[in-house]
Protein backbone atom coordinates (compact mmCIF):
# COMPACT_ATOMS: atom_id res chain seq x y z
CA MET A 1 33.19 -22.91 8.41
CA VAL A 2 32.21 -19.27 8.98
CA GLY A 3 29.38 -19.94 11.16
CA LEU A 4 31.16 -22.33 13.24
CA ALA A 5 34.07 -19.76 13.67
CA PHE A 6 31.20 -17.26 15.02
CA VAL A 7 29.90 -19.68 17.34
CA LYS A 8 33.17 -20.13 19.10
CA ALA A 9 34.04 -16.66 19.18
CA SER A 10 30.92 -15.53 20.22
CA ASN A 11 31.05 -16.98 23.86
CA LYS A 12 33.71 -14.19 24.62
CA LEU A 13 31.09 -11.36 23.57
CA SER A 14 29.32 -9.47 26.35
CA MET A 15 25.55 -9.59 26.66
CA SER A 16 24.61 -6.50 24.33
CA LYS A 17 21.70 -6.69 22.21
CA LYS A 18 21.71 -9.22 19.42
CA ILE A 19 20.46 -8.59 16.08
CA PHE A 20 20.21 -10.78 12.90
CA ILE A 21 20.48 -9.09 9.28
CA VAL A 22 19.24 -11.31 6.38
CA SER A 23 19.62 -10.01 2.71
CA GLY A 24 18.81 -11.35 -0.53
CA GLY A 25 21.66 -11.77 -3.01
CA THR A 26 22.01 -8.58 -5.31
CA GLY A 27 23.77 -5.60 -4.57
CA GLY A 28 20.31 -3.84 -4.06
CA HIS A 29 19.47 -5.95 -1.03
CA ILE A 30 22.91 -6.46 0.21
CA ILE A 31 24.39 -2.78 0.27
CA PRO A 32 21.41 -1.26 2.55
CA ALA A 33 21.84 -4.26 4.56
CA ARG A 34 25.41 -3.98 5.18
CA CYS A 35 24.98 -0.24 6.00
CA LEU A 36 22.95 -0.99 8.81
CA ALA A 37 25.00 -4.12 10.09
CA THR A 38 28.05 -1.66 9.99
CA HIS A 39 26.13 0.93 12.08
CA LEU A 40 24.79 -1.44 14.65
CA ALA A 41 28.08 -3.00 14.93
CA LYS A 42 29.57 0.40 16.01
CA GLU A 43 26.96 0.76 18.44
CA ASN A 44 28.30 -2.42 20.22
CA CYS A 45 25.58 -4.79 19.00
CA GLU A 46 26.09 -7.99 18.29
CA VAL A 47 25.42 -8.52 14.81
CA MET A 48 25.16 -11.64 12.51
CA PHE A 49 24.59 -11.06 8.57
CA PHE A 50 23.00 -14.03 6.81
CA GLY A 51 22.50 -14.33 2.92
CA ASP A 52 23.12 -16.84 -0.11
CA THR A 53 26.41 -17.25 -1.61
CA LYS A 54 26.65 -13.84 -3.30
CA LEU A 55 27.07 -12.48 0.06
CA THR A 56 31.06 -13.51 -0.16
CA ASN A 57 31.10 -11.07 -2.55
CA TYR A 58 30.64 -7.89 -0.43
CA THR A 59 32.59 -9.08 2.58
CA LYS A 60 35.33 -7.32 3.78
CA LYS A 61 38.19 -7.95 5.86
CA GLU A 62 37.54 -5.07 8.13
CA ASP A 63 33.80 -5.99 8.99
CA ARG A 64 32.69 -6.22 12.65
CA PHE A 65 30.19 -8.86 12.22
CA PRO A 66 30.36 -12.40 10.35
CA SER A 67 28.93 -13.07 7.19
CA ILE A 68 27.02 -16.43 7.06
CA ILE A 69 25.74 -18.44 4.18
CA ILE A 70 22.13 -19.95 4.51
CA SER A 71 21.09 -22.60 2.09
CA SER A 72 18.12 -21.18 -0.10
CA SER A 73 16.38 -21.28 -3.45
CA GLN A 74 14.07 -19.58 -5.69
CA ILE A 75 11.14 -21.47 -6.55
CA LYS A 76 10.61 -22.86 -10.05
CA LYS A 77 7.95 -24.78 -11.67
CA SER A 78 9.89 -27.48 -13.09
CA PRO A 79 9.26 -30.64 -10.88
CA PHE A 80 12.77 -31.31 -10.70
CA PHE A 81 13.80 -27.81 -9.75
CA LEU A 82 10.74 -27.57 -7.34
CA LEU A 83 12.18 -30.65 -5.48
CA LYS A 84 15.50 -29.21 -5.23
CA ALA A 85 14.16 -25.79 -3.96
CA ILE A 86 12.23 -27.35 -1.30
CA THR A 87 15.40 -29.25 -0.08
CA ARG A 88 17.49 -26.44 -0.12
CA ILE A 89 14.89 -24.23 1.47
CA SER A 90 14.28 -26.97 4.16
CA PHE A 91 17.64 -27.03 4.93
CA GLY A 92 18.14 -23.25 5.27
CA ILE A 93 15.38 -23.43 7.92
CA LEU A 94 17.04 -25.85 9.92
CA GLN A 95 20.26 -23.84 9.84
CA SER A 96 18.35 -20.64 10.68
CA PHE A 97 16.40 -22.24 13.46
CA TYR A 98 19.76 -23.48 14.92
CA PHE A 99 21.05 -19.93 14.97
CA CYS A 100 17.85 -18.28 16.35
CA LEU A 101 17.91 -20.86 19.15
CA ARG A 102 21.67 -20.70 19.37
CA PHE A 103 22.12 -17.02 19.81
CA TYR A 104 18.49 -16.03 20.27
CA PRO A 105 18.69 -12.60 18.79
CA GLN A 106 16.31 -9.47 19.74
CA TYR A 107 15.34 -8.82 16.25
CA VAL A 108 15.58 -10.25 12.81
CA VAL A 109 15.85 -7.51 10.21
CA SER A 110 15.17 -8.62 6.94
CA PHE A 111 16.03 -6.56 3.61
CA GLY A 112 13.91 -8.86 0.91
CA GLY A 113 14.70 -11.24 -1.59
CA TYR A 114 14.38 -15.13 -1.74
CA ALA A 115 17.25 -15.64 0.21
CA THR A 116 15.74 -14.09 3.46
CA PHE A 117 12.96 -17.04 3.55
CA PRO A 118 14.50 -19.51 5.65
CA MET A 119 15.48 -17.15 8.27
CA LEU A 120 12.13 -15.32 8.39
CA ILE A 121 10.24 -18.81 8.77
CA ALA A 122 12.65 -19.76 11.66
CA ALA A 123 12.18 -16.14 13.17
CA ILE A 124 8.65 -16.71 13.29
CA LEU A 125 8.78 -20.52 14.87
CA THR A 126 11.10 -19.26 17.70
CA LYS A 127 8.90 -16.25 18.09
CA ARG A 128 11.81 -13.45 17.31
CA LYS A 129 10.75 -9.70 16.62
CA ILE A 130 10.82 -9.34 12.99
CA ILE A 131 11.59 -5.83 10.86
CA LEU A 132 11.18 -5.88 7.03
CA HIS A 133 12.83 -3.04 5.05
CA GLU A 134 11.65 -2.57 1.58
CA GLN A 135 14.14 -0.65 -0.72
CA ASN A 136 11.53 -0.24 -3.80
CA SER A 137 8.34 1.62 -4.40
CA HIS A 138 6.37 -1.59 -4.27
CA LEU A 139 6.53 -4.19 -1.50
CA GLY A 140 8.44 -7.34 -2.86
CA LYS A 141 6.90 -10.85 -2.77
CA VAL A 142 8.93 -12.21 0.19
CA ASN A 143 8.08 -9.03 2.15
CA ARG A 144 4.36 -9.32 1.35
CA ILE A 145 4.36 -12.87 2.43
CA PHE A 146 6.00 -12.12 5.87
CA ALA A 147 4.21 -8.63 6.41
CA ASN A 148 1.52 -10.22 8.59
CA PHE A 149 4.29 -11.67 11.00
CA THR A 150 6.61 -8.59 11.24
CA LYS A 151 6.54 -5.72 14.02
CA LYS A 152 7.26 -2.93 11.68
CA ILE A 153 7.77 -2.53 7.88
CA ALA A 154 10.31 0.15 7.02
CA ILE A 155 9.82 1.83 3.59
CA SER A 156 12.03 3.70 1.51
CA PHE A 157 9.24 5.65 -0.70
CA PRO A 158 6.67 7.48 0.54
CA GLU A 159 4.33 6.14 -2.05
CA THR A 160 5.02 2.36 -1.60
CA SER A 161 2.22 0.30 -2.98
CA GLY A 162 1.37 -3.47 -2.17
CA ILE A 163 0.70 -3.27 1.48
CA SER A 164 -2.23 -4.32 2.66
CA GLN A 165 -4.81 -2.26 4.61
CA LYS A 166 -4.38 -4.19 7.89
CA ASN A 167 -0.47 -3.63 7.89
CA LEU A 168 -0.48 0.13 7.51
CA SER A 169 -0.06 0.79 10.76
CA LYS A 170 3.34 -1.12 10.84
CA ILE A 171 4.83 1.48 8.31
CA ALA A 172 7.90 3.40 9.04
CA LEU A 173 9.45 5.59 6.38
CA THR A 174 13.13 5.52 6.78
CA GLY A 175 14.59 5.72 3.35
CA ASN A 176 17.17 3.52 1.89
CA PRO A 177 20.57 3.39 3.67
CA VAL A 178 23.47 4.53 1.66
CA ARG A 179 27.14 3.80 1.90
CA GLU A 180 29.16 6.32 4.21
CA GLU A 181 31.33 7.28 1.45
CA ILE A 182 28.58 8.10 -0.69
CA PHE A 183 26.90 9.75 2.18
CA ALA A 184 29.75 12.35 2.33
CA LEU A 185 29.19 13.62 -1.13
CA ASN A 186 26.01 15.29 0.01
CA LYS A 187 28.03 18.07 1.51
CA LEU A 188 29.59 19.18 -2.04
CA ALA A 189 27.93 21.54 -4.05
CA TYR A 190 26.77 20.42 -7.71
CA THR A 191 28.95 22.36 -10.39
CA LEU A 192 29.37 22.19 -14.05
CA PRO A 193 32.38 22.81 -16.18
CA LYS A 194 32.56 26.34 -18.00
CA PRO A 195 32.30 26.11 -21.59
CA GLU A 196 35.55 28.20 -21.97
CA GLU A 197 37.24 25.58 -19.82
CA MET A 198 36.48 22.63 -21.78
CA VAL A 199 39.25 20.40 -23.03
CA ILE A 200 39.84 18.03 -25.99
CA MET A 201 41.45 14.88 -25.26
CA PRO A 202 43.82 13.64 -27.95
CA ASP A 203 42.73 10.52 -29.80
CA ASN A 204 43.57 7.18 -28.06
CA LYS A 205 45.59 5.19 -30.17
CA MET A 206 46.58 3.19 -27.05
CA GLY A 207 45.47 -0.55 -26.49
CA TYR A 208 41.99 -1.72 -24.99
CA ASP A 209 43.48 -2.87 -21.82
CA VAL A 210 44.99 0.26 -21.15
CA ILE A 211 41.89 2.42 -20.90
CA LEU A 212 40.36 0.37 -18.15
CA ALA A 213 39.17 2.37 -15.42
CA SER A 214 41.30 0.69 -12.91
CA ASP A 215 44.44 1.81 -14.42
CA PHE A 216 43.26 4.85 -16.43
CA TYR A 217 40.96 7.01 -14.44
CA GLU A 218 43.31 7.93 -11.75
CA SER A 219 46.10 8.76 -13.62
CA GLU A 220 44.27 10.99 -16.09
CA LYS A 221 41.83 12.75 -13.54
CA GLU A 222 43.55 16.24 -13.91
CA ARG A 223 43.30 15.98 -17.69
CA LEU A 224 39.77 15.00 -17.75
CA LYS A 225 38.44 17.55 -15.12
CA ASP A 226 36.79 19.83 -17.24
CA PHE A 227 34.80 17.33 -19.40
CA PHE A 228 31.12 17.03 -18.80
CA LYS A 229 31.16 13.83 -17.22
CA ILE A 230 28.46 11.29 -18.16
CA LEU A 231 28.55 8.10 -15.64
CA ILE A 232 26.92 5.03 -17.20
CA ILE A 233 25.62 2.31 -14.67
CA GLY A 234 24.09 -0.62 -15.80
CA GLY A 235 23.52 -2.35 -12.30
CA SER A 236 24.63 -5.94 -11.57
CA GLY A 237 23.34 -7.04 -15.19
CA GLY A 238 25.51 -4.52 -16.56
CA ALA A 239 22.53 -3.35 -19.08
CA LYS A 240 23.35 -4.80 -22.35
CA ILE A 241 21.04 -2.52 -23.90
CA PHE A 242 23.15 0.35 -23.00
CA SER A 243 26.13 -1.01 -24.76
CA GLU A 244 24.00 -1.63 -27.81
CA ILE A 245 22.25 2.08 -27.91
CA LEU A 246 24.73 4.42 -26.11
CA PRO A 247 27.91 4.61 -28.31
CA LYS A 248 25.80 5.19 -31.34
CA ALA A 249 23.72 7.68 -29.60
CA PHE A 250 26.58 9.87 -28.18
CA PHE A 251 28.36 9.59 -31.77
CA ASN A 252 24.75 10.81 -33.16
CA LEU A 253 25.30 14.11 -31.07
CA GLY A 254 28.02 15.55 -33.48
CA GLY A 255 31.28 17.33 -32.86
CA LYS A 256 29.71 20.30 -31.19
CA TYR A 257 29.00 17.99 -28.32
CA LYS A 258 30.77 14.69 -28.23
CA ASP A 259 34.11 16.38 -28.19
CA ASP A 260 33.51 17.82 -24.53
CA ILE A 261 31.96 14.81 -23.22
CA GLN A 262 33.71 12.25 -21.28
CA ILE A 263 31.69 8.76 -20.90
CA ILE A 264 32.44 6.61 -18.04
CA GLN A 265 30.72 3.01 -18.60
CA GLN A 266 30.14 0.03 -16.50
CA CYS A 267 29.33 -2.75 -18.46
CA ARG A 268 29.27 -6.79 -18.58
CA SER A 269 32.70 -8.24 -18.79
CA GLU A 270 31.88 -10.29 -21.85
CA LEU A 271 30.75 -7.08 -23.77
CA MET A 272 33.60 -4.80 -22.64
CA GLU A 273 35.87 -5.20 -25.50
CA LYS A 274 33.01 -5.03 -28.12
CA THR A 275 31.49 -1.88 -26.62
CA PHE A 276 35.00 -0.21 -26.22
CA GLU A 277 35.62 -0.55 -30.19
CA GLN A 278 32.52 0.87 -30.88
CA TYR A 279 33.42 3.82 -28.78
CA GLN A 280 36.80 4.07 -30.26
CA ALA A 281 35.28 3.72 -33.74
CA PHE A 282 33.31 6.76 -33.20
CA ASN A 283 36.35 8.73 -31.51
CA LEU A 284 34.47 9.33 -28.14
CA ASN A 285 36.43 9.75 -24.99
CA ILE A 286 35.53 6.70 -22.92
CA VAL A 287 36.63 4.69 -19.82
CA ILE A 288 34.99 1.47 -19.48
CA ASP A 289 35.02 -1.24 -17.03
CA SER A 290 33.07 -3.91 -15.58
CA PHE A 291 33.47 -3.10 -12.14
CA PHE A 292 34.75 0.21 -10.37
CA GLU A 293 36.50 -0.10 -7.16
CA ASN A 294 36.14 4.00 -6.73
CA MET A 295 32.62 4.34 -7.54
CA ASP A 296 32.11 7.00 -4.89
CA GLU A 297 34.91 9.20 -6.98
CA LEU A 298 32.83 8.71 -10.33
CA ILE A 299 29.59 9.79 -8.60
CA ARG A 300 31.20 12.57 -7.15
CA ASP A 301 32.87 13.75 -10.20
CA SER A 302 29.94 13.18 -12.80
CA HIS A 303 27.77 15.94 -14.12
CA LEU A 304 24.85 13.38 -15.32
CA ILE A 305 24.22 9.77 -14.67
CA ILE A 306 22.45 7.36 -16.91
CA ALA A 307 21.45 4.09 -15.11
CA ARG A 308 18.46 1.49 -14.38
CA ALA A 309 16.23 2.60 -11.31
CA GLY A 310 17.24 -0.01 -8.85
CA SER A 311 16.57 1.50 -5.52
CA SER A 312 20.10 1.39 -3.74
CA SER A 313 21.49 3.20 -6.80
CA ILE A 314 19.33 6.01 -7.11
CA PHE A 315 19.31 6.69 -3.37
CA GLU A 316 23.11 6.77 -3.67
CA PHE A 317 22.49 9.36 -6.79
CA CYS A 318 20.04 11.56 -4.81
CA ALA A 319 22.46 11.45 -1.67
CA ALA A 320 25.26 13.02 -3.99
CA LYS A 321 22.75 15.40 -5.71
CA LYS A 322 23.07 13.94 -9.22
CA PRO A 323 20.71 14.60 -12.06
CA MET A 324 19.58 11.46 -13.57
CA ILE A 325 18.33 9.68 -16.78
CA LEU A 326 16.73 6.29 -15.77
CA ILE A 327 15.85 3.59 -18.08
CA PRO A 328 14.15 0.90 -15.79
CA PHE A 329 14.58 -2.60 -16.41
CA ALA A 330 11.36 -3.82 -17.87
CA ALA A 331 11.46 -7.29 -16.63
CA ALA A 332 11.92 -6.12 -12.97
CA ALA A 333 9.50 -7.90 -10.64
CA ASP A 334 5.99 -5.93 -10.29
CA ASN A 335 7.64 -3.12 -12.64
CA HIS A 336 9.17 -1.92 -9.25
CA GLN A 337 11.97 -0.24 -11.24
CA GLU A 338 9.76 1.93 -13.25
CA LYS A 339 7.56 3.01 -10.14
CA ASN A 340 11.11 4.16 -8.32
CA ALA A 341 11.99 6.11 -11.55
CA ARG A 342 8.57 7.78 -11.82
CA TYR A 343 8.89 8.73 -8.17
CA LEU A 344 12.04 10.89 -8.90
CA GLU A 345 10.58 12.01 -12.14
CA LYS A 346 7.50 13.14 -10.47
CA HIS A 347 9.81 15.47 -7.95
CA GLY A 348 12.00 16.83 -11.10
CA ALA A 349 14.98 14.63 -10.28
CA ALA A 350 15.34 12.68 -13.10
CA ILE A 351 14.20 12.22 -16.88
CA VAL A 352 12.69 8.69 -17.22
CA ILE A 353 12.59 6.88 -20.61
CA LYS A 354 11.30 3.39 -20.82
CA GLU A 355 13.30 0.49 -22.40
CA GLU A 356 10.85 0.27 -25.48
CA ASP A 357 11.30 3.93 -25.82
CA PHE A 358 15.35 3.84 -25.46
CA THR A 359 16.42 4.74 -29.03
CA ILE A 360 19.27 6.32 -30.48
CA ASN A 361 17.38 9.28 -31.38
CA LYS A 362 15.48 9.36 -28.33
CA ILE A 363 18.67 9.42 -26.03
CA SER A 364 20.56 11.92 -28.32
CA GLU A 365 17.48 14.32 -28.08
CA VAL A 366 17.34 14.29 -24.41
CA LEU A 367 21.21 14.68 -23.77
CA LYS A 368 21.46 17.54 -26.23
CA GLN A 369 18.41 19.24 -24.25
CA LEU A 370 20.13 18.96 -20.87
CA ILE A 371 23.59 20.02 -22.33
CA ASP A 372 22.18 23.00 -23.80
CA ASN A 373 20.32 24.02 -21.02
CA PRO A 374 22.49 23.75 -17.78
CA GLU A 375 20.14 25.40 -15.58
CA ASN A 376 17.96 22.43 -15.80
CA LEU A 377 20.44 20.23 -14.99
CA GLN A 378 21.39 22.60 -11.72
CA LYS A 379 17.34 22.52 -11.02
CA MET A 380 17.31 18.65 -11.27
CA SER A 381 20.60 18.52 -9.06
CA GLU A 382 18.68 20.21 -6.30
CA LYS A 383 15.48 18.25 -6.46
CA SER A 384 17.68 15.06 -6.51
CA GLY A 385 19.41 16.15 -3.28
CA SER A 386 16.13 17.20 -1.72
CA LEU A 387 15.00 13.61 -2.02
CA ALA A 388 17.87 12.19 -0.39
CA MET A 389 17.14 10.35 3.18
CA LEU A 390 20.20 10.79 4.93
CA ASN A 391 18.76 9.59 8.08
CA ALA A 392 17.74 6.20 6.75
CA THR A 393 20.27 4.18 8.74
CA LYS A 394 19.78 5.94 11.90
CA ASP A 395 15.97 5.65 11.77
CA LEU A 396 16.36 1.93 10.36
CA LYS A 397 18.56 1.39 13.79
CA ARG A 398 15.93 3.14 16.07
CA LEU A 399 13.29 0.66 15.24
CA CYS A 400 15.68 -1.87 16.81
CA ASP A 401 15.48 -0.22 20.08
CA TYR A 402 11.71 -0.60 20.54
């Protein structure tokens, strides 16, 4: 229905540049792709955004471009699932072929992920110019498959691996686009609370449901403003290991530290109650939710971020000049999260702890060292900000001008 609606509306559009943007289904793919789509639409380009069903989770009413679902699937070894995947991908190629012939875009810009496969096949068959964008420090599987057919390969990290020798001439270092509301945080100075201004929040005797970020954080902002605020983000999966380790690690800090800390944690919805109860049992100051509408505010107000090492997240943290403790997802394809994290560690912007080393004692030790040495946090903030690539969206747009 979304696609048909655009077909009818598009007849009224001017003959401006037409650009297709296609993305995988995770926030790490979709968010930078949406940044480019929004920028191009403001530049009066005709933009169509393609992806799988997860695309609808990010669609906004104010979007100036249509979001269209294309059939796709991951490839699995099971004969039943393999047949199912081939059927879905084949239908997705037919859908994509129709849109390429119907609207004849000058460029197809792909942000990786299996959901981009059908559109890229159609783009090759219809001889459309292809630009690939790689968010991580290792070229993803789909991007590797199509690297030989592309005009340009935009990369986010200077030290990106997985690129064949014959495709090195196609490389353009652009960085990873970040949302405008995060981009604006780069203008703010990183400041730490003064020890004498720390406040201790009274014991929370209220019920579980009233401490959710959606109805708690805004009303309590002034009272919490002088805490040392630690923002914990588990990514799209919520990072179960964070809920298992961190409550005990914060309690392990002891009263000297934990009374001055405000913890704001994103975790899986099914783990929220159990996680909150652990924090409450340890008398820790906690705001918890499965999703934050005001993520830009939370990033802005934080003094330290504990997170996975997905590219979109860490580029946003760099844009906001935030020090980081990164725990890469061990099962990430090609170990790309650790490679992302090591780049930041190498440049002094983050401390990296592998999952196998992520223990109560280890994280407690790291937290104590950082809190006791605020000058190190200040240096990490400076290094983090220096790695931000604030022109990423504009540089990607320029690739579509050739």
